[in-house]
Amino acid sequence: MTISFDTHPSRYKHWKLSFDGEIATLAMQVDPNGGLKEGYELKLNSYDLGVDIELADAIQRVRFEHPEVKCVVVTSGTDRVFCSGANIYMLGSSTHAWKVNFCKFTNETRLYLEDASKHSGIKFLCAVNGACAGGGYELALACDEILLVDDGSSAVSLPEVPLLAVLPGTGGLTRVVDKRKVRRDLADVFCTTSEGVRGKRAVEWGLVDAIAPRSRFADAVKERAASLAKKAGDARKGAGIELDALAPEIDGGTYRYRFVTLAIDATTRVATLTMKAPTGSTPEGGDAIQAAGASQWSLRAFRELDDALLRLRIDHLDVGMLVLRTEGDAAKVVATDRALHAAKDHWLANEILRLQARVLRRLDLTSRSIFALIEKSSAFGGSLLELALASDRIYMLADDDEEVAIAVSPANAGALPMSHGLSRLEARFQREPERVQKVLATEGAITTEDANALGLVTVAPDEIDWDDDVRIAIEERASLSPDALTGMEASLRFAGPETMETKIFARLSAWQNWIFQRPNAVGPQGALTKYGQPDRAVFAWTRC
């Protein structure tokens, strides 16, 4: 089954996106029969990957198409049920790889929501108008404020541990104690109480911000949304731009977009992703960037990269290697980056920069070995140089004519940070931080010899050895255990400090991935397997 991440509000099955001036409402009303796969119903506003693809699309469209919006109300269109979380039968019937990729995407979506609050000034109010469990509460936790209906029955809960023997999969544990700063003993009680916490206790413990009786819930939502919109300020002004469909041409294992080509070689289990540099004139200034709309390279190319990475993750699980190439004029990339950064105070330029940063973080978190190949036709400058810096190894051709070169731009100076807040140069030069400024101070083209001296290259074969050295390196890498490589690469890529985001992807994901393979959760007598059946789970009691 091929999954598409390209959708539009006119085709949403599960969400209704509406606008009233500076307030938008995103109402979850899941079609029980609208699941991506057969074998489960999405009852009680539970969700699968298809529901979350629409949510991610909605957040992106609010950012680019509706700059007038200052507050988004996330609520439910289903009576007395906000959301019961990820669909348990979907999880129980899915492969391990599907569960892991599902959790990764949903985590990224909730982080995108927080990114919109932090960097675009769009505040999110979660209007919990009914029962709110598991992933439903995790969605609420990603919002700026949570308003819970006080009707004597509606509660917030994280019942995964007591009911399913797994963890909340989208950052719930981390956000409860790190973001909402709930006391750890109270969080312990909350996360092992399947019925959840309601009313005044939920406010006292810090699990929600406020409650309102059902009779005045609608008015309370309006009041708090207006208050949040007032806090948002006036950073986003001007007309929005429409995000057109990416619509890649798909020919067997090759996906061709306007600026990106992803070619899958199933035999060698290697994918080659090639990004083209911009051509033609560069939009200079906010008005020109606005006029260029969704077709400008900085936006279109990175949207295409995002879509290609998602298709690789979901549709090509056996592909373990991602080889990154670029084509074109690196100077054009640098010029485009400079124009974008010079206009960064314009709302659209800011949104494009934020999107580039999010897509590059998705690349960082993609569990594939990544090698960058820098050759004569390459365009690894500025924002495309970030692709190489995100790679596990960089191979750069040493040529006597010095035709092979890279270049830096403002994009490499921290504008496109990794999940832990460092630039890729800062993460690369942990031992020698002075090298960061030395690299950034380099003007124009950086040849292979200079790039090697600066520490930007892993291996620099000459033209005689290039083909064999690269081929052998890829073949050797593809022969190693994918499980060991996933763990190794995740450990090596994020040198430096830790943030809530890295905690979610490191601690939570690692533990959840382990638990997802343990018999207590997914064995024949495991809690996830037995969910909905009359007999109870049987646990192995060893702790390790």
Protein backbone atom coordinates (compact mmCIF):
# COMPACT_ATOMS: atom_id res chain seq x y z
CA MET A 1 0.00 0.00 0.00
CA THR A 2 1.46 3.34 -1.07
CA ILE A 3 0.87 6.28 1.29
CA SER A 4 0.63 9.84 0.00
CA PHE A 5 1.36 12.77 2.28
CA ASP A 6 -0.05 15.23 -0.24
CA THR A 7 -3.53 16.32 0.80
CA HIS A 8 -5.77 19.39 0.90
CA PRO A 9 -8.59 20.66 3.16
CA SER A 10 -11.06 19.91 0.38
CA ARG A 11 -10.14 16.23 0.71
CA TYR A 12 -9.91 15.96 4.50
CA LYS A 13 -11.88 13.03 5.93
CA HIS A 14 -11.23 13.66 9.59
CA TRP A 15 -10.73 17.37 10.28
CA LYS A 16 -12.71 20.53 9.60
CA LEU A 17 -10.62 23.69 9.26
CA SER A 18 -12.54 26.96 9.50
CA PHE A 19 -11.60 30.61 9.90
CA ASP A 20 -13.14 33.58 11.70
CA GLY A 21 -10.76 36.49 11.35
CA GLU A 22 -7.69 35.97 13.50
CA ILE A 23 -9.13 32.78 15.05
CA ALA A 24 -9.05 29.44 13.23
CA THR A 25 -10.79 26.31 14.43
CA LEU A 26 -9.48 22.84 13.75
CA ALA A 27 -12.18 20.36 14.69
CA MET A 28 -11.45 16.65 14.85
CA GLN A 29 -14.33 14.54 13.58
CA VAL A 30 -12.81 11.25 12.56
CA ASP A 31 -14.61 9.10 10.00
CA PRO A 32 -14.68 5.67 11.70
CA ASN A 33 -14.53 3.96 8.32
CA GLY A 34 -11.84 6.22 6.90
CA GLY A 35 -8.76 4.40 8.15
CA LEU A 36 -5.72 3.97 5.92
CA LYS A 37 -5.90 0.20 6.20
CA GLU A 38 -8.64 -2.38 6.62
CA GLY A 39 -9.15 -4.24 9.89
CA TYR A 40 -9.96 -1.43 12.29
CA GLU A 41 -12.51 1.31 12.85
CA LEU A 42 -11.46 4.74 14.03
CA LYS A 43 -14.06 4.91 16.79
CA LEU A 44 -14.22 7.65 19.42
CA ASN A 45 -12.06 10.04 17.38
CA SER A 46 -9.13 7.67 17.54
CA TYR A 47 -6.51 8.21 14.88
CA ASP A 48 -4.13 6.52 12.49
CA LEU A 49 -1.45 7.92 10.19
CA GLY A 50 -4.06 9.24 7.75
CA VAL A 51 -5.66 11.40 10.45
CA ASP A 52 -2.27 12.81 11.39
CA ILE A 53 -1.29 13.53 7.78
CA GLU A 54 -4.32 15.81 7.59
CA LEU A 55 -3.41 17.47 10.90
CA ALA A 56 0.14 18.16 9.69
CA ASP A 57 -1.21 19.59 6.43
CA ALA A 58 -3.66 21.82 8.28
CA ILE A 59 -0.94 23.30 10.51
CA GLN A 60 1.26 23.97 7.49
CA ARG A 61 -1.57 25.62 5.56
CA VAL A 62 -2.47 27.90 8.46
CA ARG A 63 1.15 29.09 8.54
CA PHE A 64 1.47 29.78 4.81
CA GLU A 65 -2.05 30.45 3.59
CA HIS A 66 -3.55 32.38 6.52
CA PRO A 67 -1.08 34.82 8.06
CA GLU A 68 -4.03 36.67 9.62
CA VAL A 69 -4.53 33.80 12.09
CA LYS A 70 -3.17 34.39 15.59
CA CYS A 71 -4.88 31.58 17.47
CA VAL A 72 -5.98 28.09 16.47
CA VAL A 73 -8.64 26.36 18.56
CA VAL A 74 -8.11 22.60 18.46
CA THR A 75 -11.30 20.84 19.47
CA SER A 76 -13.62 17.97 18.65
CA GLY A 77 -16.65 17.84 16.42
CA THR A 78 -17.80 14.63 18.10
CA ASP A 79 -20.21 14.89 21.02
CA ARG A 80 -18.62 14.29 24.47
CA VAL A 81 -15.44 12.80 23.01
CA PHE A 82 -12.38 14.92 22.32
CA CYS A 83 -10.03 12.14 21.24
CA SER A 84 -9.27 8.62 22.47
CA GLY A 85 -5.75 8.66 21.01
CA ALA A 86 -4.00 6.37 18.56
CA ASN A 87 -6.28 3.57 17.41
CA ILE A 88 -5.37 0.51 19.48
CA TYR A 89 -6.51 -2.05 16.93
CA MET A 90 -4.43 -0.29 14.28
CA LEU A 91 -1.39 -0.48 16.56
CA GLY A 92 -2.09 -4.09 17.53
CA SER A 93 -2.35 -5.20 13.91
CA SER A 94 0.61 -3.20 12.60
CA THR A 95 4.18 -4.31 12.04
CA HIS A 96 6.88 -3.03 14.33
CA ALA A 97 8.25 -0.79 11.58
CA TRP A 98 4.84 0.74 10.93
CA LYS A 99 4.32 1.49 14.63
CA VAL A 100 7.73 3.15 14.87
CA ASN A 101 7.25 5.28 11.75
CA PHE A 102 3.73 6.21 12.84
CA CYS A 103 5.01 7.42 16.22
CA LYS A 104 7.87 9.32 14.57
CA PHE A 105 5.55 11.20 12.21
CA THR A 106 3.00 12.03 14.93
CA ASN A 107 5.81 13.28 17.15
CA GLU A 108 7.08 15.54 14.38
CA THR A 109 3.57 16.88 13.80
CA ARG A 110 3.15 17.87 17.45
CA LEU A 111 6.58 19.50 17.43
CA TYR A 112 5.57 21.43 14.30
CA LEU A 113 2.59 22.76 16.23
CA GLU A 114 4.89 23.99 19.01
CA ASP A 115 7.26 25.40 16.38
CA ALA A 116 4.38 27.45 14.96
CA SER A 117 3.72 28.88 18.42
CA LYS A 118 7.36 29.70 19.12
CA HIS A 119 8.46 31.05 15.75
CA SER A 120 5.29 32.24 14.01
CA GLY A 121 3.38 33.59 16.98
CA ILE A 122 0.37 31.36 16.32
CA LYS A 123 -1.01 30.29 19.67
CA PHE A 124 -2.94 27.06 20.10
CA LEU A 125 -5.85 26.57 22.49
CA CYS A 126 -6.96 22.99 23.05
CA ALA A 127 -10.68 23.04 23.85
CA VAL A 128 -11.17 19.61 25.40
CA ASN A 129 -14.93 19.19 25.13
CA GLY A 130 -15.10 15.52 26.11
CA ALA A 131 -13.09 12.47 27.07
CA CYS A 132 -9.41 12.97 26.26
CA ALA A 133 -7.14 9.94 26.47
CA GLY A 134 -3.66 8.90 25.40
CA GLY A 135 -2.66 10.51 22.13
CA GLY A 136 -5.61 12.85 22.48
CA TYR A 137 -4.10 14.31 25.64
CA GLU A 138 -0.68 14.34 23.98
CA LEU A 139 -2.15 16.52 21.25
CA ALA A 140 -3.53 18.81 23.95
CA LEU A 141 -0.12 18.93 25.63
CA ALA A 142 1.42 20.27 22.43
CA CYS A 143 -0.93 23.29 22.57
CA ASP A 144 -0.20 26.48 24.49
CA GLU A 145 -3.26 26.19 26.74
CA ILE A 146 -5.71 23.42 27.65
CA LEU A 147 -9.32 24.20 28.59
CA LEU A 148 -11.24 21.16 29.89
CA VAL A 149 -15.01 20.90 30.06
CA ASP A 150 -16.12 20.36 33.66
CA ASP A 151 -19.10 18.04 33.30
CA GLY A 152 -18.38 15.44 35.96
CA SER A 153 -17.20 12.82 33.47
CA SER A 154 -14.70 14.26 30.99
CA ALA A 155 -11.11 13.61 32.05
CA VAL A 156 -7.62 13.79 30.68
CA SER A 157 -5.56 10.62 30.89
CA LEU A 158 -2.46 8.78 29.74
CA PRO A 159 -3.62 5.17 30.21
CA GLU A 160 -0.97 3.46 28.05
CA VAL A 161 1.05 1.94 30.89
CA PRO A 162 -1.84 0.40 32.90
CA LEU A 163 -4.01 -0.57 29.92
CA LEU A 164 -1.62 -1.44 27.10
CA ALA A 165 1.81 -2.04 28.69
CA VAL A 166 3.37 0.53 26.34
CA LEU A 167 4.29 4.23 26.70
CA PRO A 168 2.40 7.26 25.47
CA GLY A 169 4.02 7.49 22.03
CA THR A 170 3.97 11.18 21.20
CA GLY A 171 5.83 12.90 23.99
CA GLY A 172 3.19 12.73 26.72
CA LEU A 173 5.50 11.72 29.56
CA THR A 174 8.12 14.30 28.60
CA ARG A 175 5.66 17.17 28.19
CA VAL A 176 3.88 16.43 31.47
CA VAL A 177 7.04 16.95 33.53
CA ASP A 178 9.21 19.12 31.23
CA LYS A 179 6.68 21.43 29.63
CA ARG A 180 3.85 21.56 32.17
CA LYS A 181 6.22 20.86 35.09
CA VAL A 182 3.80 18.53 36.87
CA ARG A 183 5.31 17.21 40.10
CA ARG A 184 6.91 13.83 39.45
CA ASP A 185 4.95 11.91 42.13
CA LEU A 186 1.67 13.33 40.84
CA ALA A 187 2.77 12.53 37.28
CA ASP A 188 3.48 8.97 38.46
CA VAL A 189 -0.06 8.65 39.81
CA PHE A 190 -1.54 10.24 36.69
CA CYS A 191 0.35 7.98 34.27
CA THR A 192 -0.68 4.79 36.09
CA THR A 193 -4.36 5.75 36.56
CA SER A 194 -6.32 4.56 33.55
CA GLU A 195 -9.45 6.57 34.32
CA GLY A 196 -7.51 9.85 34.30
CA VAL A 197 -8.03 13.10 36.21
CA ARG A 198 -10.92 15.51 35.81
CA GLY A 199 -12.18 18.89 36.99
CA LYS A 200 -10.47 20.95 39.68
CA ARG A 201 -7.88 18.26 40.40
CA ALA A 202 -6.69 18.44 36.80
CA VAL A 203 -6.15 22.19 37.25
CA GLU A 204 -4.49 21.78 40.67
CA TRP A 205 -2.04 19.22 39.35
CA GLY A 206 -1.22 21.37 36.33
CA LEU A 207 -2.60 18.92 33.79
CA VAL A 208 -4.90 21.56 32.28
CA ASP A 209 -4.97 25.35 32.55
CA ALA A 210 -8.66 25.89 33.24
CA ILE A 211 -12.04 24.24 33.36
CA ALA A 212 -15.49 25.49 32.39
CA PRO A 213 -18.94 23.95 32.82
CA ARG A 214 -20.57 22.68 29.66
CA SER A 215 -23.19 25.44 29.83
CA ARG A 216 -20.57 28.16 29.30
CA PHE A 217 -17.81 26.16 27.63
CA ALA A 218 -18.30 27.79 24.22
CA ASP A 219 -18.06 31.28 25.74
CA ALA A 220 -14.96 30.29 27.71
CA VAL A 221 -13.31 29.03 24.52
CA LYS A 222 -13.99 32.34 22.76
CA GLU A 223 -12.63 34.35 25.67
CA ARG A 224 -9.40 32.37 26.01
CA ALA A 225 -8.84 32.22 22.25
CA ALA A 226 -9.21 36.02 22.08
CA SER A 227 -6.76 36.39 24.96
CA LEU A 228 -4.21 34.13 23.26
CA ALA A 229 -4.63 35.98 19.96
CA LYS A 230 -3.90 39.23 21.77
CA LYS A 231 -0.63 37.76 23.07
CA ALA A 232 0.36 36.70 19.56
CA GLY A 233 1.10 40.25 18.42
CA ASP A 234 1.19 41.44 14.81
CA ALA A 235 4.20 39.58 13.45
CA ARG A 236 2.32 38.02 10.54
CA LYS A 237 0.82 40.52 8.12
CA GLY A 238 -0.04 40.32 4.45
CA ALA A 239 -1.83 37.99 2.11
CA GLY A 240 -1.22 34.27 2.32
CA ILE A 241 0.08 32.09 -0.46
CA GLU A 242 -1.51 28.86 -1.62
CA LEU A 243 0.54 25.68 -1.27
CA ASP A 244 0.04 23.84 -4.54
CA ALA A 245 0.18 20.07 -4.91
CA LEU A 246 3.67 18.59 -5.27
CA ALA A 247 2.44 15.81 -7.57
CA PRO A 248 5.70 13.95 -8.28
CA GLU A 249 5.97 11.76 -11.36
CA ILE A 250 6.38 8.20 -10.10
CA ASP A 251 8.04 5.72 -12.42
CA GLY A 252 8.73 2.44 -10.68
CA GLY A 253 11.10 3.33 -7.88
CA THR A 254 11.84 6.85 -9.08
CA TYR A 255 10.04 9.96 -7.82
CA ARG A 256 10.61 13.08 -9.92
CA TYR A 257 9.67 16.45 -8.51
CA ARG A 258 10.58 19.86 -9.94
CA PHE A 259 13.82 20.19 -7.94
CA VAL A 260 14.18 16.79 -6.26
CA THR A 261 14.59 13.28 -7.62
CA LEU A 262 14.50 10.22 -5.39
CA ALA A 263 15.67 7.03 -7.08
CA ILE A 264 15.26 3.73 -5.27
CA ASP A 265 17.50 0.77 -6.12
CA ALA A 266 15.76 -2.14 -4.42
CA THR A 267 18.54 -4.57 -5.41
CA THR A 268 21.31 -2.72 -3.59
CA ARG A 269 18.93 -1.22 -1.00
CA VAL A 270 20.30 2.24 -1.79
CA ALA A 271 18.29 5.41 -2.46
CA THR A 272 19.83 8.36 -4.27
CA LEU A 273 18.29 11.76 -3.61
CA THR A 274 19.35 14.59 -5.88
CA MET A 275 18.44 18.25 -5.27
CA LYS A 276 18.82 20.85 -7.98
CA ALA A 277 20.02 24.38 -7.28
CA PRO A 278 17.78 27.30 -8.28
CA THR A 279 17.92 28.77 -11.74
CA GLY A 280 16.61 32.08 -13.02
CA SER A 281 16.18 35.26 -11.02
CA THR A 282 16.28 35.36 -7.23
CA PRO A 283 13.41 37.12 -5.43
CA GLU A 284 14.94 39.99 -3.46
CA GLY A 285 13.02 41.57 -0.59
CA GLY A 286 9.78 40.66 1.13
CA ASP A 287 7.50 41.86 -1.67
CA ALA A 288 9.34 39.81 -4.30
CA ILE A 289 9.34 36.75 -2.06
CA GLN A 290 5.62 37.23 -1.51
CA ALA A 291 5.04 37.59 -5.25
CA ALA A 292 7.03 34.44 -6.04
CA GLY A 293 4.65 32.45 -3.82
CA ALA A 294 4.85 28.68 -3.54
CA SER A 295 6.90 28.24 -6.72
CA GLN A 296 10.09 29.87 -5.41
CA TRP A 297 12.99 27.47 -5.00
CA SER A 298 13.57 27.96 -1.26
CA LEU A 299 10.05 26.82 -0.48
CA ARG A 300 9.26 24.39 -3.28
CA ALA A 301 12.55 22.44 -3.15
CA PHE A 302 12.35 21.85 0.61
CA ARG A 303 8.67 20.85 0.45
CA GLU A 304 9.69 18.32 -2.18
CA LEU A 305 12.55 17.08 -0.01
CA ASP A 306 10.12 16.67 2.89
CA ASP A 307 7.70 14.61 0.79
CA ALA A 308 10.50 12.45 -0.62
CA LEU A 309 11.84 11.67 2.86
CA LEU A 310 8.40 10.64 4.09
CA ARG A 311 7.88 8.34 1.11
CA LEU A 312 11.31 6.79 1.71
CA ARG A 313 10.52 6.21 5.37
CA ILE A 314 7.11 4.62 4.87
CA ASP A 315 7.21 2.95 1.46
CA HIS A 316 10.80 1.64 1.28
CA LEU A 317 11.65 0.02 4.58
CA ASP A 318 14.34 -2.25 3.11
CA VAL A 319 16.36 0.67 1.78
CA GLY A 320 19.08 1.34 4.32
CA MET A 321 21.31 3.85 2.54
CA LEU A 322 20.49 7.37 1.42
CA VAL A 323 23.04 8.93 -0.92
CA LEU A 324 22.70 12.70 -1.26
CA ARG A 325 23.75 14.53 -4.42
CA THR A 326 23.16 18.06 -5.65
CA GLU A 327 23.26 19.60 -9.11
CA GLY A 328 23.65 23.14 -10.41
CA ASP A 329 25.33 26.35 -9.34
CA ALA A 330 26.19 26.58 -5.64
CA ALA A 331 26.55 30.36 -6.02
CA LYS A 332 22.86 30.54 -6.92
CA VAL A 333 21.98 28.66 -3.73
CA VAL A 334 24.07 31.07 -1.67
CA ALA A 335 22.51 34.10 -3.38
CA THR A 336 19.01 32.74 -2.78
CA ASP A 337 19.83 32.04 0.86
CA ARG A 338 21.23 35.55 1.32
CA ALA A 339 18.10 37.14 -0.15
CA LEU A 340 15.86 35.02 2.06
CA HIS A 341 17.82 35.81 5.21
CA ALA A 342 17.96 39.51 4.40
CA ALA A 343 14.15 39.47 4.36
CA LYS A 344 13.74 37.27 7.43
CA ASP A 345 11.57 39.85 9.19
CA HIS A 346 8.97 39.43 6.46
CA TRP A 347 6.41 36.87 7.60
CA LEU A 348 6.73 34.65 4.50
CA ALA A 349 10.53 34.64 4.48
CA ASN A 350 10.39 33.63 8.15
CA GLU A 351 7.95 30.82 7.38
CA ILE A 352 10.16 29.49 4.57
CA LEU A 353 13.19 29.48 6.86
CA ARG A 354 11.21 27.67 9.54
CA LEU A 355 10.05 25.09 7.00
CA GLN A 356 13.62 24.49 5.78
CA ALA A 357 14.68 23.97 9.40
CA ARG A 358 11.86 21.48 10.04
CA VAL A 359 12.62 19.49 6.90
CA LEU A 360 16.32 19.28 7.74
CA ARG A 361 15.43 18.06 11.23
CA ARG A 362 13.31 15.36 9.59
CA LEU A 363 16.40 14.37 7.61
CA ASP A 364 18.45 14.24 10.83
CA LEU A 365 15.85 11.90 12.32
CA THR A 366 15.51 9.62 9.31
CA SER A 367 16.83 6.18 10.20
CA ARG A 368 18.95 5.63 7.12
CA SER A 369 22.72 5.77 6.72
CA ILE A 370 23.35 9.05 4.90
CA PHE A 371 26.38 9.72 2.70
CA ALA A 372 26.85 12.97 0.77
CA LEU A 373 28.78 12.87 -2.51
CA ILE A 374 30.34 16.16 -3.62
CA GLU A 375 31.46 16.03 -7.26
CA LYS A 376 32.12 18.39 -10.17
CA SER A 377 28.46 19.03 -10.93
CA SER A 378 27.50 19.52 -7.27
CA ALA A 379 25.85 22.56 -5.71
CA PHE A 380 26.49 22.05 -2.01
CA GLY A 381 26.23 25.67 -0.99
CA GLY A 382 24.42 27.22 1.99
CA SER A 383 21.11 25.49 2.65
CA LEU A 384 22.17 22.57 0.41
CA LEU A 385 25.46 22.32 2.31
CA GLU A 386 23.25 21.57 5.32
CA LEU A 387 22.34 18.30 3.57
CA ALA A 388 25.98 17.30 3.59
CA LEU A 389 26.46 18.43 7.19
CA ALA A 390 23.46 16.29 8.16
CA SER A 391 25.11 13.25 6.58
CA ASP A 392 27.02 10.56 8.43
CA ARG A 393 29.92 10.89 5.99
CA ILE A 394 30.94 13.43 3.34
CA TYR A 395 32.87 12.23 0.28
CA MET A 396 34.37 15.10 -1.75
CA LEU A 397 36.24 14.57 -5.01
CA ALA A 398 39.81 15.88 -5.04
CA ASP A 399 40.32 17.28 -8.54
CA ASP A 400 43.41 18.99 -9.90
CA ASP A 401 41.35 21.69 -11.63
CA GLU A 402 39.66 22.73 -8.37
CA GLU A 403 36.25 22.59 -10.05
CA VAL A 404 34.75 20.81 -7.05
CA ALA A 405 33.77 23.22 -4.32
CA ILE A 406 31.28 24.01 -1.59
CA ALA A 407 30.20 27.37 -0.15
CA VAL A 408 28.68 28.74 3.03
CA SER A 409 25.79 31.16 3.47
CA PRO A 410 23.77 32.58 6.40
CA ALA A 411 21.89 29.28 6.35
CA ASN A 412 24.89 27.61 7.97
CA ALA A 413 25.16 30.07 10.87
CA GLY A 414 22.38 28.68 13.08
CA ALA A 415 19.28 29.67 11.14
CA LEU A 416 18.38 26.02 10.51
CA PRO A 417 19.11 24.39 13.87
CA MET A 418 19.03 20.72 14.75
CA SER A 419 16.62 19.32 17.35
CA HIS A 420 19.00 20.14 20.20
CA GLY A 421 19.33 23.77 19.17
CA LEU A 422 22.84 23.65 17.69
CA SER A 423 23.73 24.38 14.11
CA ARG A 424 25.12 21.42 12.19
CA LEU A 425 28.52 23.11 12.16
CA GLU A 426 28.39 23.52 15.95
CA ALA A 427 27.43 19.87 16.39
CA ARG A 428 30.26 18.85 14.02
CA PHE A 429 32.97 20.82 15.79
CA GLN A 430 32.24 20.03 19.44
CA ARG A 431 35.93 19.54 20.15
CA GLU A 432 37.10 22.56 18.17
CA PRO A 433 34.33 25.19 18.34
CA GLU A 434 36.65 27.85 16.92
CA ARG A 435 36.38 26.10 13.57
CA VAL A 436 32.74 27.15 13.24
CA GLN A 437 33.59 30.84 12.83
CA LYS A 438 36.56 29.97 10.64
CA VAL A 439 34.25 28.12 8.25
CA LEU A 440 31.59 30.84 8.32
CA ALA A 441 34.22 33.49 7.59
CA THR A 442 35.24 31.77 4.37
CA GLU A 443 34.17 33.74 1.32
CA GLY A 444 33.25 32.20 -2.01
CA ALA A 445 34.03 28.71 -3.23
CA ILE A 446 35.79 26.31 -0.86
CA THR A 447 37.85 23.77 -2.79
CA THR A 448 38.31 20.18 -1.71
CA GLU A 449 41.76 20.87 -0.29
CA ASP A 450 40.49 23.79 1.76
CA ALA A 451 37.33 21.96 2.82
CA ASN A 452 39.46 19.05 3.98
CA ALA A 453 41.70 21.37 5.96
CA LEU A 454 38.64 22.97 7.56
CA GLY A 455 37.35 19.56 8.70
CA LEU A 456 34.33 19.55 6.43
CA VAL A 457 35.20 16.35 4.56
CA THR A 458 35.32 12.73 5.70
CA VAL A 459 37.17 11.28 2.71
CA ALA A 460 38.60 13.05 -0.35
CA PRO A 461 39.54 10.47 -3.02
CA ASP A 462 41.10 11.62 -6.28
CA GLU A 463 39.55 10.97 -9.67
CA ILE A 464 41.35 7.65 -10.03
CA ASP A 465 40.03 6.23 -6.76
CA TRP A 466 36.66 8.01 -6.53
CA ASP A 467 34.37 5.42 -8.12
CA ASP A 468 35.85 2.43 -6.31
CA ASP A 469 36.16 4.17 -2.94
CA VAL A 470 32.58 5.39 -3.01
CA ARG A 471 31.19 2.08 -4.29
CA ILE A 472 33.04 0.04 -1.66
CA ALA A 473 31.99 2.42 1.13
CA ILE A 474 28.32 2.15 0.15
CA GLU A 475 28.46 -1.63 -0.28
CA GLU A 476 30.17 -2.07 3.09
CA ARG A 477 27.67 0.17 4.82
CA ALA A 478 24.70 -1.60 3.25
CA SER A 479 26.03 -4.95 4.52
CA LEU A 480 25.95 -3.96 8.23
CA SER A 481 23.07 -4.62 10.62
CA PRO A 482 20.36 -1.99 10.09
CA ASP A 483 19.35 -2.21 13.75
CA ALA A 484 22.86 -1.52 14.99
CA LEU A 485 23.31 1.28 12.45
CA THR A 486 20.04 2.96 13.50
CA GLY A 487 21.19 3.04 17.10
CA MET A 488 24.74 4.09 16.24
CA GLU A 489 23.74 6.92 13.91
CA ALA A 490 21.12 8.26 16.32
CA SER A 491 23.80 8.36 19.02
CA LEU A 492 26.48 10.03 16.89
CA ARG A 493 24.36 12.65 15.07
CA PHE A 494 23.28 14.64 18.11
CA ALA A 495 26.44 15.53 19.99
CA GLY A 496 25.87 18.26 22.54
CA PRO A 497 23.01 19.39 24.77
CA GLU A 498 19.59 17.89 25.20
CA THR A 499 16.19 19.51 24.73
CA MET A 500 12.60 18.40 25.20
CA GLU A 501 12.58 17.55 21.50
CA THR A 502 15.67 15.34 21.70
CA LYS A 503 14.35 13.69 24.84
CA ILE A 504 11.22 12.73 22.93
CA PHE A 505 13.16 11.26 20.02
CA ALA A 506 15.97 9.70 22.03
CA ARG A 507 14.66 8.47 25.35
CA LEU A 508 11.00 8.00 24.47
CA SER A 509 11.52 6.52 21.01
CA ALA A 510 14.30 4.20 22.14
CA TRP A 511 12.29 2.87 25.08
CA GLN A 512 9.08 2.62 23.08
CA ASN A 513 10.82 0.76 20.27
CA TRP A 514 12.11 -1.74 22.81
CA ILE A 515 8.74 -2.10 24.52
CA PHE A 516 7.01 -2.53 21.14
CA GLN A 517 9.00 -5.76 20.68
CA ARG A 518 8.57 -7.18 24.18
CA PRO A 519 6.09 -9.97 24.94
CA ASN A 520 4.47 -8.00 27.75
CA ALA A 521 3.13 -5.61 25.10
CA VAL A 522 2.94 -7.46 21.79
CA GLY A 523 3.38 -11.15 22.66
CA PRO A 524 0.44 -13.59 22.40
CA GLN A 525 -0.51 -12.77 26.02
CA GLY A 526 0.64 -9.14 25.86
CA ALA A 527 -1.56 -6.23 26.89
CA LEU A 528 -1.63 -4.59 23.45
CA THR A 529 -2.50 -7.94 21.87
CA LYS A 530 -5.22 -8.68 24.43
CA TYR A 531 -6.83 -5.23 24.31
CA GLY A 532 -10.61 -5.59 23.90
CA GLN A 533 -10.61 -9.31 24.71
CA PRO A 534 -12.23 -10.80 27.83
CA ASP A 535 -9.06 -12.43 29.22
CA ARG A 536 -6.30 -10.33 30.74
CA ALA A 537 -2.68 -9.98 29.72
CA VAL A 538 -0.06 -12.25 31.27
CA PHE A 539 3.26 -10.58 32.01
CA ALA A 540 6.80 -11.89 32.31
CA TRP A 541 8.02 -10.24 35.53
CA THR A 542 11.73 -9.89 34.78
CA ARG A 543 12.98 -6.28 34.82
CA CYS A 544 16.15 -5.49 32.88
